[in-house]
Amino acid sequence: MSTSAQSPEVRNPKTGMTHPEMKEFIRNHFEEFVNRKNLRIGEVNFAPEFVDHGADVPAGLPAGPPGAIQYVGAALKKVPDLRVNIEDLIAEDDKVVVRNHWTGTDEASSSKRHRRGLFSLTAEFNSIARLMHSSKIRDQAGSLGAILSHSDGSPKCSFGSRIISPCG
């Protein structure tokens, strides 16, 4: 009979949260921000110095939470039925890595969109400080395009502030 003792979850001094709390915070953020289309939650959840390192983020967006809110707001206008399903959450140190599946219909073309991605979020005391992401998008016809790509079109993946190539 195995009698492994379970250690209580320890609060991370960088985040003020345990790993299960960090994962729940990130899950709730996606649910509110994207699925419930509550863009104002970004004002609460994003740290004032929030930085989005995603390669598909358009140039010229404002820094910090306003840029992220504007970016997602524009996506929700283009794809009003946008939904994100969290498939996996892994927490370590001050980061949460999220494997997700996005679906929706492009309003202009009526094309169904499917996007799978990886997000690495860095938490700081009940807020999101940094976001890195890599994803692939599949349209109704089944064509696949890498959102992040090198000049030769080959996909690249990000983890932390490093770009890793190639990605599978």
C-alpha atoms as a PDB file:
ATOM      1  CA  MET A   1       0.000   0.000   0.000  1.00  0.00           C
ATOM      2  CA  SER A   2       1.439   3.320  -1.070  1.00  0.00           C
ATOM      3  CA  THR A   3       1.257   6.137   1.436  1.00  0.00           C
ATOM      4  CA  SER A   4       2.624   9.072  -0.483  1.00  0.00           C
ATOM      5  CA  ALA A   5       2.178  12.250   1.472  1.00  0.00           C
ATOM      6  CA  GLN A   6       0.713  15.141  -0.475  1.00  0.00           C
ATOM      7  CA  SER A   7       2.423  18.430   0.153  1.00  0.00           C
ATOM      8  CA  PRO A   8       0.188  21.475   0.379  1.00  0.00           C
ATOM      9  CA  GLU A   9       0.332  23.815  -2.593  1.00  0.00           C
ATOM     10  CA  VAL A  10       2.780  26.625  -2.015  1.00  0.00           C
ATOM     11  CA  ARG A  11       2.129  30.189  -3.143  1.00  0.00           C
ATOM     12  CA  ASN A  12       4.662  31.330  -5.685  1.00  0.00           C
ATOM     13  CA  PRO A  13       6.370  34.499  -4.434  1.00  0.00           C
ATOM     14  CA  LYS A  14       6.417  35.863  -8.018  1.00  0.00           C
ATOM     15  CA  THR A  15       2.668  35.450  -8.553  1.00  0.00           C
ATOM     16  CA  GLY A  16       1.029  35.257  -5.138  1.00  0.00           C
ATOM     17  CA  MET A  17      -0.824  32.170  -6.410  1.00  0.00           C
ATOM     18  CA  THR A  18      -0.447  28.408  -6.244  1.00  0.00           C
ATOM     19  CA  HIS A  19      -0.091  26.542  -9.546  1.00  0.00           C
ATOM     20  CA  PRO A  20      -3.739  25.368  -9.447  1.00  0.00           C
ATOM     21  CA  GLU A  21      -4.835  28.973  -8.773  1.00  0.00           C
ATOM     22  CA  MET A  22      -2.703  30.211 -11.678  1.00  0.00           C
ATOM     23  CA  LYS A  23      -4.283  27.657 -14.034  1.00  0.00           C
ATOM     24  CA  GLU A  24      -7.802  28.559 -12.855  1.00  0.00           C
ATOM     25  CA  PHE A  25      -7.054  32.280 -13.256  1.00  0.00           C
ATOM     26  CA  ILE A  26      -5.887  31.765 -16.863  1.00  0.00           C
ATOM     27  CA  ARG A  27      -8.815  29.439 -17.693  1.00  0.00           C
ATOM     28  CA  ASN A  28     -11.250  32.035 -16.325  1.00  0.00           C
ATOM     29  CA  HIS A  29      -9.498  34.808 -18.230  1.00  0.00           C
ATOM     30  CA  PHE A  30     -10.002  33.062 -21.598  1.00  0.00           C
ATOM     31  CA  GLU A  31     -13.602  32.191 -20.711  1.00  0.00           C
ATOM     32  CA  GLU A  32     -14.463  35.801 -19.869  1.00  0.00           C
ATOM     33  CA  PHE A  33     -12.291  37.640 -22.397  1.00  0.00           C
ATOM     34  CA  VAL A  34     -13.075  35.523 -25.464  1.00  0.00           C
ATOM     35  CA  ASN A  35     -16.039  33.206 -24.903  1.00  0.00           C
ATOM     36  CA  ARG A  36     -18.195  35.709 -22.960  1.00  0.00           C
ATOM     37  CA  LYS A  37     -16.777  38.631 -24.979  1.00  0.00           C
ATOM     38  CA  ASN A  38     -16.123  40.605 -21.783  1.00  0.00           C
ATOM     39  CA  LEU A  39     -13.324  42.840 -23.057  1.00  0.00           C
ATOM     40  CA  ARG A  40     -13.338  44.911 -19.862  1.00  0.00           C
ATOM     41  CA  ILE A  41     -11.891  41.933 -17.978  1.00  0.00           C
ATOM     42  CA  GLY A  42      -8.655  42.777 -19.795  1.00  0.00           C
ATOM     43  CA  GLU A  43      -8.471  45.980 -17.742  1.00  0.00           C
ATOM     44  CA  VAL A  44      -8.473  43.807 -14.620  1.00  0.00           C
ATOM     45  CA  ASN A  45      -6.450  40.770 -15.723  1.00  0.00           C
ATOM     46  CA  PHE A  46      -3.633  42.367 -17.717  1.00  0.00           C
ATOM     47  CA  ALA A  47      -0.820  43.989 -15.761  1.00  0.00           C
ATOM     48  CA  PRO A  48      -0.290  47.682 -16.631  1.00  0.00           C
ATOM     49  CA  GLU A  49       3.027  46.759 -18.320  1.00  0.00           C
ATOM     50  CA  PHE A  50       1.484  43.796 -20.220  1.00  0.00           C
ATOM     51  CA  VAL A  51       3.374  42.835 -23.410  1.00  0.00           C
ATOM     52  CA  ASP A  52       2.000  40.566 -26.163  1.00  0.00           C
ATOM     53  CA  HIS A  53       4.899  38.955 -28.043  1.00  0.00           C
ATOM     54  CA  GLY A  54       2.688  37.231 -30.630  1.00  0.00           C
ATOM     55  CA  ALA A  55       3.932  37.584 -34.204  1.00  0.00           C
ATOM     56  CA  ASP A  56       0.374  37.962 -35.514  1.00  0.00           C
ATOM     57  CA  VAL A  57      -0.286  41.089 -33.423  1.00  0.00           C
ATOM     58  CA  PRO A  58      -0.621  44.022 -35.842  1.00  0.00           C
ATOM     59  CA  ALA A  59       1.891  46.841 -35.621  1.00  0.00           C
ATOM     60  CA  GLY A  60       0.648  50.122 -34.249  1.00  0.00           C
ATOM     61  CA  LEU A  61      -1.515  48.795 -31.433  1.00  0.00           C
ATOM     62  CA  PRO A  62      -1.235  50.693 -28.151  1.00  0.00           C
ATOM     63  CA  ALA A  63       1.061  49.224 -25.519  1.00  0.00           C
ATOM     64  CA  GLY A  64      -0.266  47.396 -22.474  1.00  0.00           C
ATOM     65  CA  PRO A  65      -3.827  46.243 -21.852  1.00  0.00           C
ATOM     66  CA  PRO A  66      -5.433  48.681 -24.342  1.00  0.00           C
ATOM     67  CA  GLY A  67      -3.584  47.027 -27.233  1.00  0.00           C
ATOM     68  CA  ALA A  68      -4.645  43.506 -26.212  1.00  0.00           C
ATOM     69  CA  ILE A  69      -8.234  44.647 -25.725  1.00  0.00           C
ATOM     70  CA  GLN A  70      -8.255  46.377 -29.124  1.00  0.00           C
ATOM     71  CA  TYR A  71      -6.738  43.287 -30.805  1.00  0.00           C
ATOM     72  CA  VAL A  72      -9.267  40.846 -29.344  1.00  0.00           C
ATOM     73  CA  GLY A  73     -12.114  43.306 -29.921  1.00  0.00           C
ATOM     74  CA  ALA A  74     -11.225  43.452 -33.619  1.00  0.00           C
ATOM     75  CA  ALA A  75     -11.048  39.637 -33.784  1.00  0.00           C
ATOM     76  CA  LEU A  76     -14.502  39.376 -32.183  1.00  0.00           C
ATOM     77  CA  LYS A  77     -15.930  41.794 -34.769  1.00  0.00           C
ATOM     78  CA  LYS A  78     -14.413  39.779 -37.611  1.00  0.00           C
ATOM     79  CA  VAL A  79     -15.434  36.423 -36.061  1.00  0.00           C
ATOM     80  CA  PRO A  80     -18.466  37.152 -33.837  1.00  0.00           C
ATOM     81  CA  ASP A  81     -18.954  33.516 -32.806  1.00  0.00           C
ATOM     82  CA  LEU A  82     -15.290  33.084 -31.806  1.00  0.00           C
ATOM     83  CA  ARG A  83     -14.797  30.459 -29.095  1.00  0.00           C
ATOM     84  CA  VAL A  84     -11.709  29.081 -27.402  1.00  0.00           C
ATOM     85  CA  ASN A  85     -11.560  25.651 -25.825  1.00  0.00           C
ATOM     86  CA  ILE A  86      -8.742  25.067 -23.351  1.00  0.00           C
ATOM     87  CA  GLU A  87      -7.344  21.585 -23.957  1.00  0.00           C
ATOM     88  CA  ASP A  88      -4.381  21.591 -21.534  1.00  0.00           C
ATOM     89  CA  LEU A  89      -2.921  23.873 -18.883  1.00  0.00           C
ATOM     90  CA  ILE A  90       0.543  23.395 -17.416  1.00  0.00           C
ATOM     91  CA  ALA A  91       1.875  25.661 -14.658  1.00  0.00           C
ATOM     92  CA  GLU A  92       5.485  25.928 -13.599  1.00  0.00           C
ATOM     93  CA  ASP A  93       7.255  28.743 -11.779  1.00  0.00           C
ATOM     94  CA  ASP A  94       5.475  31.961 -12.890  1.00  0.00           C
ATOM     95  CA  LYS A  95       4.250  30.631 -16.264  1.00  0.00           C
ATOM     96  CA  VAL A  96       1.153  28.864 -17.519  1.00  0.00           C
ATOM     97  CA  VAL A  97       1.281  27.136 -20.894  1.00  0.00           C
ATOM     98  CA  VAL A  98      -2.090  26.695 -22.577  1.00  0.00           C
ATOM     99  CA  ARG A  99      -2.902  24.356 -25.461  1.00  0.00           C
ATOM    100  CA  ASN A 100      -6.116  25.566 -27.027  1.00  0.00           C
ATOM    101  CA  HIS A 101      -8.475  25.259 -29.969  1.00  0.00           C
ATOM    102  CA  TRP A 102     -10.187  28.318 -31.404  1.00  0.00           C
ATOM    103  CA  THR A 103     -13.250  28.075 -33.661  1.00  0.00           C
ATOM    104  CA  GLY A 104     -15.509  30.569 -35.370  1.00  0.00           C
ATOM    105  CA  THR A 105     -16.932  31.860 -38.618  1.00  0.00           C
ATOM    106  CA  ASP A 106     -15.386  34.783 -40.479  1.00  0.00           C
ATOM    107  CA  GLU A 107     -18.332  37.144 -40.896  1.00  0.00           C
ATOM    108  CA  ALA A 108     -17.183  38.613 -44.244  1.00  0.00           C
ATOM    109  CA  SER A 109     -16.494  35.321 -46.030  1.00  0.00           C
ATOM    110  CA  SER A 110     -18.707  32.950 -43.989  1.00  0.00           C
ATOM    111  CA  SER A 111     -15.626  30.731 -43.830  1.00  0.00           C
ATOM    112  CA  LYS A 112     -15.303  28.448 -40.824  1.00  0.00           C
ATOM    113  CA  ARG A 113     -12.020  28.899 -38.960  1.00  0.00           C
ATOM    114  CA  HIS A 114     -10.180  26.447 -36.712  1.00  0.00           C
ATOM    115  CA  ARG A 115      -7.013  27.465 -34.930  1.00  0.00           C
ATOM    116  CA  ARG A 116      -4.906  25.423 -32.552  1.00  0.00           C
ATOM    117  CA  GLY A 117      -2.262  27.144 -30.544  1.00  0.00           C
ATOM    118  CA  LEU A 118       0.099  27.282 -27.641  1.00  0.00           C
ATOM    119  CA  PHE A 119       0.191  30.246 -25.314  1.00  0.00           C
ATOM    120  CA  SER A 120       2.817  30.887 -22.670  1.00  0.00           C
ATOM    121  CA  LEU A 121       1.553  33.411 -20.134  1.00  0.00           C
ATOM    122  CA  THR A 122       3.649  34.913 -17.373  1.00  0.00           C
ATOM    123  CA  ALA A 123       1.687  35.743 -14.228  1.00  0.00           C
ATOM    124  CA  GLU A 124       2.414  38.521 -11.766  1.00  0.00           C
ATOM    125  CA  PHE A 125       0.265  38.915  -8.654  1.00  0.00           C
ATOM    126  CA  ASN A 126      -3.171  38.120 -10.061  1.00  0.00           C
ATOM    127  CA  SER A 127      -2.433  39.595 -13.478  1.00  0.00           C
ATOM    128  CA  ILE A 128      -0.976  38.582 -16.827  1.00  0.00           C
ATOM    129  CA  ALA A 129       2.330  40.313 -17.523  1.00  0.00           C
ATOM    130  CA  ARG A 130       3.488  38.691 -20.786  1.00  0.00           C
ATOM    131  CA  LEU A 131       2.023  36.527 -23.510  1.00  0.00           C
ATOM    132  CA  MET A 132       3.792  34.504 -26.193  1.00  0.00           C
ATOM    133  CA  HIS A 133       1.855  32.433 -28.708  1.00  0.00           C
ATOM    134  CA  SER A 134       2.151  30.226 -31.716  1.00  0.00           C
ATOM    135  CA  SER A 135      -0.731  28.820 -33.682  1.00  0.00           C
ATOM    136  CA  LYS A 136      -1.884  27.389 -36.956  1.00  0.00           C
ATOM    137  CA  ILE A 137      -5.138  28.253 -38.640  1.00  0.00           C
ATOM    138  CA  ARG A 138      -7.249  25.966 -40.792  1.00  0.00           C
ATOM    139  CA  ASP A 139     -10.036  27.296 -42.964  1.00  0.00           C
ATOM    140  CA  GLN A 140     -13.179  25.570 -44.219  1.00  0.00           C
ATOM    141  CA  ALA A 141     -11.359  24.160 -47.240  1.00  0.00           C
ATOM    142  CA  GLY A 142      -8.788  22.569 -44.951  1.00  0.00           C
ATOM    143  CA  SER A 143      -5.847  24.686 -46.004  1.00  0.00           C
ATOM    144  CA  LEU A 144      -3.318  25.219 -43.260  1.00  0.00           C
ATOM    145  CA  GLY A 145      -1.272  28.343 -42.766  1.00  0.00           C
ATOM    146  CA  ALA A 146       1.218  29.062 -40.035  1.00  0.00           C
ATOM    147  CA  ILE A 147       0.413  32.257 -38.172  1.00  0.00           C
ATOM    148  CA  LEU A 148       4.062  32.518 -37.183  1.00  0.00           C
ATOM    149  CA  SER A 149       6.422  31.866 -40.029  1.00  0.00           C
ATOM    150  CA  HIS A 150       9.944  32.485 -41.233  1.00  0.00           C
ATOM    151  CA  SER A 151      10.615  34.385 -44.452  1.00  0.00           C
ATOM    152  CA  ASP A 152      10.660  31.046 -46.303  1.00  0.00           C
ATOM    153  CA  GLY A 153       7.160  30.233 -44.982  1.00  0.00           C
ATOM    154  CA  SER A 154       8.294  27.502 -42.591  1.00  0.00           C
ATOM    155  CA  PRO A 155       6.508  27.614 -39.231  1.00  0.00           C
ATOM    156  CA  LYS A 156       8.259  28.762 -36.090  1.00  0.00           C
ATOM    157  CA  CYS A 157       7.296  28.310 -32.461  1.00  0.00           C
ATOM    158  CA  SER A 158       7.882  30.595 -29.532  1.00  0.00           C
ATOM    159  CA  PHE A 159       8.625  29.669 -25.963  1.00  0.00           C
ATOM    160  CA  GLY A 160       9.506  32.383 -23.562  1.00  0.00           C
ATOM    161  CA  SER A 161      11.297  35.091 -25.491  1.00  0.00           C
ATOM    162  CA  ARG A 162      13.084  32.614 -27.791  1.00  0.00           C
ATOM    163  CA  ILE A 163      11.909  31.493 -31.212  1.00  0.00           C
ATOM    164  CA  ILE A 164      12.375  27.784 -31.755  1.00  0.00           C
ATOM    165  CA  SER A 165      12.482  26.378 -35.269  1.00  0.00           C
ATOM    166  CA  PRO A 166      11.094  24.274 -36.705  1.00  0.00           C
ATOM    167  CA  CYS A 167       7.911  23.504 -34.819  1.00  0.00           C
ATOM    168  CA  GLY A 168       5.652  20.563 -35.333  1.00  0.00           C
END
